[in-house]
C-alpha atoms as a PDB file:
ATOM      1  CA  MET A   1     -42.106  -6.881 -33.064  1.00  0.00           C
ATOM      2  CA  THR A   2     -39.240  -8.301 -30.826  1.00  0.00           C
ATOM      3  CA  LEU A   3     -39.530 -11.666 -29.596  1.00  0.00           C
ATOM      4  CA  ASP A   4     -37.084 -14.044 -28.624  1.00  0.00           C
ATOM      5  CA  LYS A   5     -37.210 -17.486 -30.352  1.00  0.00           C
ATOM      6  CA  LYS A   6     -39.022 -18.985 -27.394  1.00  0.00           C
ATOM      7  CA  ASP A   7     -41.883 -16.406 -27.707  1.00  0.00           C
ATOM      8  CA  LYS A   8     -41.795 -16.862 -31.721  1.00  0.00           C
ATOM      9  CA  LYS A   9     -42.420 -20.586 -31.413  1.00  0.00           C
ATOM     10  CA  ALA A  10     -45.342 -20.077 -28.524  1.00  0.00           C
ATOM     11  CA  LEU A  11     -47.270 -17.607 -30.536  1.00  0.00           C
ATOM     12  CA  SER A  12     -46.603 -19.488 -33.903  1.00  0.00           C
ATOM     13  CA  ASP A  13     -48.019 -22.601 -32.282  1.00  0.00           C
ATOM     14  CA  ILE A  14     -51.121 -20.655 -30.877  1.00  0.00           C
ATOM     15  CA  ARG A  15     -51.697 -19.288 -34.318  1.00  0.00           C
ATOM     16  CA  MET A  16     -51.180 -22.536 -35.951  1.00  0.00           C
ATOM     17  CA  SER A  17     -53.677 -23.985 -33.564  1.00  0.00           C
ATOM     18  CA  LYS A  18     -56.317 -21.628 -34.254  1.00  0.00           C
ATOM     19  CA  ALA A  19     -55.981 -21.974 -38.071  1.00  0.00           C
ATOM     20  CA  ARG A  20     -56.836 -25.754 -37.468  1.00  0.00           C
ATOM     21  CA  GLU A  21     -59.802 -24.868 -35.495  1.00  0.00           C
ATOM     22  CA  PHE A  22     -61.097 -22.466 -37.584  1.00  0.00           C
ATOM     23  CA  LEU A  23     -60.426 -25.028 -40.470  1.00  0.00           C
ATOM     24  CA  ALA A  24     -62.530 -27.515 -38.745  1.00  0.00           C
ATOM     25  CA  ASP A  25     -65.334 -24.760 -38.231  1.00  0.00           C
ATOM     26  CA  ALA A  26     -65.237 -23.990 -42.030  1.00  0.00           C
ATOM     27  CA  ASP A  27     -65.875 -27.792 -42.667  1.00  0.00           C
ATOM     28  CA  ALA A  28     -68.816 -28.033 -40.063  1.00  0.00           C
ATOM     29  CA  ASN A  29     -70.261 -25.103 -41.717  1.00  0.00           C
ATOM     30  CA  VAL A  30     -70.017 -26.681 -45.118  1.00  0.00           C
ATOM     31  CA  LYS A  31     -71.759 -29.875 -43.963  1.00  0.00           C
ATOM     32  CA  ASP A  32     -74.370 -27.554 -42.414  1.00  0.00           C
ATOM     33  CA  LYS A  33     -74.957 -25.742 -45.947  1.00  0.00           C
ATOM     34  CA  ARG A  34     -73.753 -22.548 -44.092  1.00  0.00           C
ATOM     35  CA  PHE A  35     -71.739 -21.639 -47.043  1.00  0.00           C
ATOM     36  CA  ARG A  36     -71.041 -18.120 -46.410  1.00  0.00           C
ATOM     37  CA  SER A  37     -69.667 -18.703 -42.779  1.00  0.00           C
ATOM     38  CA  SER A  38     -67.688 -21.405 -43.931  1.00  0.00           C
ATOM     39  CA  VAL A  39     -65.799 -19.100 -46.578  1.00  0.00           C
ATOM     40  CA  ASN A  40     -65.107 -16.806 -43.678  1.00  0.00           C
ATOM     41  CA  ARG A  41     -63.795 -19.267 -41.557  1.00  0.00           C
ATOM     42  CA  ALA A  42     -61.779 -20.630 -44.273  1.00  0.00           C
ATOM     43  CA  TYR A  43     -60.237 -17.570 -45.044  1.00  0.00           C
ATOM     44  CA  TYR A  44     -59.562 -16.675 -41.175  1.00  0.00           C
ATOM     45  CA  ALA A  45     -57.864 -20.260 -40.870  1.00  0.00           C
ATOM     46  CA  ALA A  46     -55.422 -19.350 -43.667  1.00  0.00           C
ATOM     47  CA  LEU A  47     -54.691 -15.901 -42.251  1.00  0.00           C
ATOM     48  CA  ASN A  48     -53.666 -17.442 -38.982  1.00  0.00           C
ATOM     49  CA  ALA A  49     -51.380 -20.044 -40.595  1.00  0.00           C
ATOM     50  CA  VAL A  50     -49.842 -17.093 -42.307  1.00  0.00           C
ATOM     51  CA  ARG A  51     -49.366 -15.017 -39.303  1.00  0.00           C
ATOM     52  CA  ALA A  52     -47.902 -18.212 -37.355  1.00  0.00           C
ATOM     53  CA  LEU A  53     -45.422 -18.312 -40.238  1.00  0.00           C
ATOM     54  CA  LEU A  54     -44.650 -14.557 -40.482  1.00  0.00           C
ATOM     55  CA  VAL A  55     -44.099 -14.371 -36.604  1.00  0.00           C
ATOM     56  CA  ILE A  56     -40.787 -16.375 -36.888  1.00  0.00           C
ATOM     57  CA  GLU A  57     -39.640 -13.886 -39.065  1.00  0.00           C
ATOM     58  CA  GLY A  58     -40.696 -11.413 -36.316  1.00  0.00           C
ATOM     59  CA  ILE A  59     -43.297 -10.020 -38.496  1.00  0.00           C
ATOM     60  CA  ASN A  60     -46.614  -8.993 -37.269  1.00  0.00           C
ATOM     61  CA  PRO A  61     -48.689  -7.300 -40.062  1.00  0.00           C
ATOM     62  CA  GLU A  62     -51.688  -4.986 -38.796  1.00  0.00           C
ATOM     63  CA  THR A  63     -53.868  -5.581 -42.209  1.00  0.00           C
ATOM     64  CA  HIS A  64     -55.099  -8.238 -44.257  1.00  0.00           C
ATOM     65  CA  GLU A  65     -53.141  -6.613 -47.236  1.00  0.00           C
ATOM     66  CA  GLY A  66     -50.165  -6.466 -45.122  1.00  0.00           C
ATOM     67  CA  ALA A  67     -50.399 -10.222 -44.557  1.00  0.00           C
ATOM     68  CA  VAL A  68     -50.524 -10.724 -48.284  1.00  0.00           C
ATOM     69  CA  THR A  69     -47.654  -8.371 -49.105  1.00  0.00           C
ATOM     70  CA  MET A  70     -45.404  -9.942 -46.410  1.00  0.00           C
ATOM     71  CA  LEU A  71     -45.950 -13.715 -47.171  1.00  0.00           C
ATOM     72  CA  SER A  72     -45.270 -12.643 -50.728  1.00  0.00           C
ATOM     73  CA  LEU A  73     -42.261 -10.729 -50.265  1.00  0.00           C
ATOM     74  CA  ARG A  74     -40.732 -13.327 -47.493  1.00  0.00           C
ATOM     75  CA  PHE A  75     -41.718 -16.679 -48.606  1.00  0.00           C
ATOM     76  CA  VAL A  76     -43.073 -16.735 -52.117  1.00  0.00           C
ATOM     77  CA  LYS A  77     -40.844 -14.666 -54.308  1.00  0.00           C
ATOM     78  CA  THR A  78     -38.176 -16.145 -52.362  1.00  0.00           C
ATOM     79  CA  GLY A  79     -39.106 -19.554 -53.620  1.00  0.00           C
ATOM     80  CA  MET A  80     -39.693 -20.829 -50.298  1.00  0.00           C
ATOM     81  CA  LEU A  81     -43.742 -21.274 -50.725  1.00  0.00           C
ATOM     82  CA  PRO A  82     -45.146 -22.162 -53.918  1.00  0.00           C
ATOM     83  CA  VAL A  83     -47.109 -19.599 -55.952  1.00  0.00           C
ATOM     84  CA  ASP A  84     -50.425 -21.534 -55.452  1.00  0.00           C
ATOM     85  CA  VAL A  85     -50.234 -20.541 -51.811  1.00  0.00           C
ATOM     86  CA  MET A  86     -50.394 -16.925 -52.610  1.00  0.00           C
ATOM     87  CA  LYS A  87     -52.856 -17.354 -55.469  1.00  0.00           C
ATOM     88  CA  GLY A  88     -55.188 -19.357 -52.870  1.00  0.00           C
ATOM     89  CA  PHE A  89     -54.728 -16.973 -50.219  1.00  0.00           C
ATOM     90  CA  LYS A  90     -55.615 -14.071 -52.314  1.00  0.00           C
ATOM     91  CA  THR A  91     -58.882 -15.962 -53.498  1.00  0.00           C
ATOM     92  CA  LEU A  92     -60.126 -16.432 -50.014  1.00  0.00           C
ATOM     93  CA  LEU A  93     -59.349 -12.808 -49.076  1.00  0.00           C
ATOM     94  CA  SER A  94     -61.543 -11.997 -51.968  1.00  0.00           C
ATOM     95  CA  ARG A  95     -64.347 -14.173 -51.335  1.00  0.00           C
ATOM     96  CA  ARG A  96     -64.449 -13.368 -47.516  1.00  0.00           C
ATOM     97  CA  ALA A  97     -64.782  -9.788 -48.562  1.00  0.00           C
ATOM     98  CA  GLU A  98     -67.375 -10.741 -50.795  1.00  0.00           C
ATOM     99  CA  VAL A  99     -69.688 -12.693 -48.145  1.00  0.00           C
ATOM    100  CA  ASP A 100     -68.730 -10.410 -45.298  1.00  0.00           C
ATOM    101  CA  TYR A 101     -69.596  -7.030 -47.216  1.00  0.00           C
ATOM    102  CA  GLY A 102     -71.190  -7.785 -50.366  1.00  0.00           C
ATOM    103  CA  ASP A 103     -74.959  -7.389 -50.761  1.00  0.00           C
ATOM    104  CA  PHE A 104     -75.563  -9.676 -53.460  1.00  0.00           C
ATOM    105  CA  ASP A 105     -72.758 -12.398 -53.056  1.00  0.00           C
ATOM    106  CA  THR A 106     -73.329 -15.727 -55.079  1.00  0.00           C
ATOM    107  CA  ILE A 107     -71.270 -17.995 -52.677  1.00  0.00           C
ATOM    108  CA  GLY A 108     -72.444 -21.616 -53.242  1.00  0.00           C
ATOM    109  CA  ASN A 109     -71.365 -24.831 -52.323  1.00  0.00           C
ATOM    110  CA  ALA A 110     -68.945 -25.058 -54.849  1.00  0.00           C
ATOM    111  CA  GLU A 111     -66.878 -21.973 -53.630  1.00  0.00           C
ATOM    112  CA  ALA A 112     -67.283 -23.097 -49.994  1.00  0.00           C
ATOM    113  CA  GLU A 113     -65.945 -26.596 -50.829  1.00  0.00           C
ATOM    114  CA  ASP A 114     -63.052 -25.011 -52.823  1.00  0.00           C
ATOM    115  CA  SER A 115     -62.437 -22.342 -49.926  1.00  0.00           C
ATOM    116  CA  LEU A 116     -62.039 -25.491 -47.641  1.00  0.00           C
ATOM    117  CA  LYS A 117     -59.770 -27.164 -49.802  1.00  0.00           C
ATOM    118  CA  SER A 118     -57.477 -24.132 -50.664  1.00  0.00           C
ATOM    119  CA  ALA A 119     -57.338 -23.176 -47.020  1.00  0.00           C
ATOM    120  CA  GLY A 120     -56.128 -26.766 -46.221  1.00  0.00           C
ATOM    121  CA  PHE A 121     -53.431 -26.684 -48.735  1.00  0.00           C
ATOM    122  CA  ILE A 122     -52.281 -23.425 -47.366  1.00  0.00           C
ATOM    123  CA  ILE A 123     -52.125 -24.472 -43.747  1.00  0.00           C
ATOM    124  CA  GLU A 124     -50.523 -27.847 -44.456  1.00  0.00           C
ATOM    125  CA  THR A 125     -47.853 -26.391 -46.942  1.00  0.00           C
ATOM    126  CA  ILE A 126     -47.108 -23.284 -44.557  1.00  0.00           C
ATOM    127  CA  ASP A 127     -46.799 -25.652 -41.467  1.00  0.00           C
ATOM    128  CA  ILE A 128     -44.140 -27.874 -43.401  1.00  0.00           C
ATOM    129  CA  LEU A 129     -42.175 -24.471 -43.736  1.00  0.00           C
ATOM    130  CA  ARG A 130     -42.884 -23.234 -40.419  1.00  0.00           C
ATOM    131  CA  ASN A 131     -41.571 -26.382 -38.802  1.00  0.00           C
ATOM    132  CA  ASN A 132     -38.469 -26.265 -40.712  1.00  0.00           C
ATOM    133  CA  LEU A 133     -37.947 -22.587 -39.854  1.00  0.00           C
ATOM    134  CA  LEU A 134     -38.349 -23.582 -36.086  1.00  0.00           C
ATOM    135  CA  ALA A 135     -35.870 -26.367 -36.297  1.00  0.00           C
ATOM    136  CA  GLU A 136     -33.749 -23.807 -38.020  1.00  0.00           C
ATOM    137  CA  LEU A 137     -34.129 -21.354 -35.293  1.00  0.00           C
ATOM    138  CA  TYR A 138     -33.505 -23.696 -32.612  1.00  0.00           C
ATOM    139  CA  LYS A 139     -30.257 -25.199 -34.378  1.00  0.00           C
ATOM    140  CA  GLU A 140     -28.722 -21.711 -34.169  1.00  0.00           C
ATOM    141  CA  GLY A 141     -28.403 -21.592 -30.294  1.00  0.00           C
END
Protein backbone atom coordinates (compact mmCIF):
# COMPACT_ATOMS: atom_id res chain seq x y z
CA MET A 1 0.00 0.00 0.00
CA THR A 2 1.54 3.26 -1.11
CA LEU A 3 0.08 6.37 0.47
CA ASP A 4 1.58 9.77 1.09
CA LYS A 5 1.77 10.97 4.69
CA LYS A 6 -1.41 13.06 4.38
CA ASP A 7 -3.38 10.02 3.19
CA LYS A 8 -1.84 7.80 5.88
CA LYS A 9 -2.95 10.25 8.55
CA ALA A 10 -6.44 10.60 7.10
CA LEU A 11 -6.96 6.85 6.87
CA SER A 12 -5.48 6.32 10.32
CA ASP A 13 -7.82 8.93 11.78
CA ILE A 14 -10.85 7.32 10.11
CA ARG A 15 -9.92 3.91 11.48
CA MET A 16 -9.35 5.26 14.99
CA SER A 17 -12.71 6.99 14.85
CA LYS A 18 -14.33 3.65 13.94
CA ALA A 19 -12.46 2.01 16.81
CA ARG A 20 -13.97 4.46 19.28
CA GLU A 21 -17.45 4.11 17.75
CA PHE A 22 -17.29 0.32 17.97
CA LEU A 23 -16.05 0.54 21.56
CA ALA A 24 -19.09 2.66 22.41
CA ASP A 25 -21.27 0.03 20.70
CA ALA A 26 -19.61 -2.70 22.79
CA ASP A 27 -20.32 -0.72 25.95
CA ALA A 28 -23.97 -0.22 25.00
CA ASN A 29 -24.32 -3.92 24.26
CA VAL A 30 -22.92 -4.87 27.69
CA LYS A 31 -25.42 -2.55 29.34
CA ASP A 32 -28.23 -4.18 27.33
CA LYS A 33 -26.94 -7.66 28.26
CA ARG A 34 -26.14 -8.51 24.64
CA PHE A 35 -22.84 -10.09 25.58
CA ARG A 36 -22.07 -11.83 22.29
CA SER A 37 -22.62 -8.62 20.35
CA SER A 38 -20.50 -6.75 22.86
CA VAL A 39 -17.57 -9.15 22.43
CA ASN A 40 -17.87 -8.85 18.65
CA ARG A 41 -17.86 -5.05 18.75
CA ALA A 42 -14.98 -4.97 21.26
CA TYR A 43 -12.85 -7.08 18.93
CA TYR A 44 -13.63 -4.92 15.91
CA ALA A 45 -12.91 -1.80 17.95
CA ALA A 46 -9.45 -3.17 18.72
CA LEU A 47 -8.94 -4.33 15.12
CA ASN A 48 -9.67 -0.86 13.79
CA ALA A 49 -7.17 0.63 16.24
CA VAL A 50 -4.56 -1.91 15.10
CA ARG A 51 -5.27 -1.07 11.46
CA ALA A 52 -5.08 2.66 12.28
CA LEU A 53 -1.56 2.07 13.57
CA LEU A 54 -0.42 -0.28 10.81
CA VAL A 55 -1.47 2.05 8.00
CA ILE A 56 1.02 4.66 9.23
CA GLU A 57 3.72 2.12 8.34
CA GLY A 58 2.05 1.48 4.99
CA ILE A 59 0.76 -1.92 6.10
CA ASN A 60 -2.77 -3.02 5.25
CA PRO A 61 -3.24 -6.68 6.22
CA GLU A 62 -6.00 -8.54 4.44
CA THR A 63 -6.77 -11.02 7.23
CA HIS A 64 -7.29 -11.00 10.98
CA GLU A 65 -4.21 -13.19 11.44
CA GLY A 66 -2.26 -10.81 9.21
CA ALA A 67 -3.15 -7.97 11.56
CA VAL A 68 -1.98 -10.05 14.55
CA THR A 69 1.29 -10.95 12.82
CA MET A 70 2.12 -7.46 11.63
CA LEU A 71 1.24 -5.86 14.98
CA SER A 72 3.51 -8.35 16.71
CA LEU A 73 6.42 -7.99 14.29
CA ARG A 74 6.38 -4.22 13.88
CA PHE A 75 5.32 -2.98 17.28
CA VAL A 76 5.37 -5.59 20.04
CA LYS A 77 8.61 -7.43 19.28
CA THR A 78 10.35 -4.07 18.79
CA GLY A 79 9.19 -2.92 22.23
CA MET A 80 7.07 -0.06 20.91
CA LEU A 81 3.94 -1.63 22.42
CA PRO A 82 3.63 -3.77 25.55
CA VAL A 83 3.07 -7.52 25.22
CA ASP A 84 -0.27 -7.02 27.02
CA VAL A 85 -1.62 -5.37 23.87
CA MET A 86 -0.89 -8.50 21.84
CA LYS A 87 -2.25 -10.83 24.53
CA GLY A 88 -5.45 -8.82 24.77
CA PHE A 89 -5.86 -8.63 21.01
CA LYS A 90 -5.44 -12.40 20.63
CA THR A 91 -7.96 -13.02 23.41
CA LEU A 92 -10.45 -10.69 21.72
CA LEU A 93 -9.94 -12.45 18.39
CA SER A 94 -10.52 -15.84 20.01
CA ARG A 95 -13.66 -14.68 21.81
CA ARG A 96 -14.99 -13.04 18.67
CA ALA A 97 -14.56 -16.30 16.73
CA GLU A 98 -16.30 -18.16 19.55
CA VAL A 99 -19.35 -15.88 19.58
CA ASP A 100 -19.56 -15.55 15.80
CA TYR A 101 -19.01 -19.19 14.82
CA GLY A 102 -19.37 -21.36 17.92
CA ASP A 103 -22.57 -23.22 18.55
CA PHE A 104 -22.13 -23.52 22.30
CA ASP A 105 -20.45 -20.31 23.37
CA THR A 106 -20.43 -19.52 27.04
CA ILE A 107 -19.83 -15.79 26.88
CA GLY A 108 -21.44 -14.00 29.76
CA ASN A 109 -21.19 -10.69 31.53
CA ALA A 110 -17.69 -11.30 32.90
CA GLU A 111 -16.17 -12.04 29.47
CA ALA A 112 -18.04 -9.16 27.87
CA GLU A 113 -16.86 -6.72 30.55
CA ASP A 114 -13.30 -8.04 30.25
CA SER A 115 -13.44 -7.69 26.45
CA LEU A 116 -14.66 -4.12 26.77
CA LYS A 117 -11.88 -3.26 29.22
CA SER A 118 -9.25 -4.97 27.06
CA ALA A 119 -10.38 -3.20 23.89
CA GLY A 120 -10.31 0.14 25.70
CA PHE A 121 -6.75 -0.52 26.89
CA ILE A 122 -5.65 -1.55 23.40
CA ILE A 123 -7.21 1.52 21.78
CA GLU A 124 -5.75 3.98 24.27
CA THR A 125 -2.29 2.39 24.20
CA ILE A 126 -2.23 2.26 20.41
CA ASP A 127 -3.52 5.81 20.08
CA ILE A 128 -0.62 7.17 22.15
CA LEU A 129 1.89 5.44 19.88
CA ARG A 130 -0.10 6.37 16.77
CA ASN A 131 -0.03 10.05 17.67
CA ASN A 132 3.70 9.88 18.38
CA LEU A 133 4.34 8.21 15.03
CA LEU A 134 2.22 10.75 13.20
CA ALA A 135 4.12 13.58 14.87
CA GLU A 136 7.40 11.97 13.75
CA LEU A 137 6.06 11.48 10.23
CA TYR A 138 5.24 15.16 9.95
CA LYS A 139 8.57 16.17 11.50
CA GLU A 140 10.39 14.38 8.71
CA GLY A 141 9.20 16.84 6.14
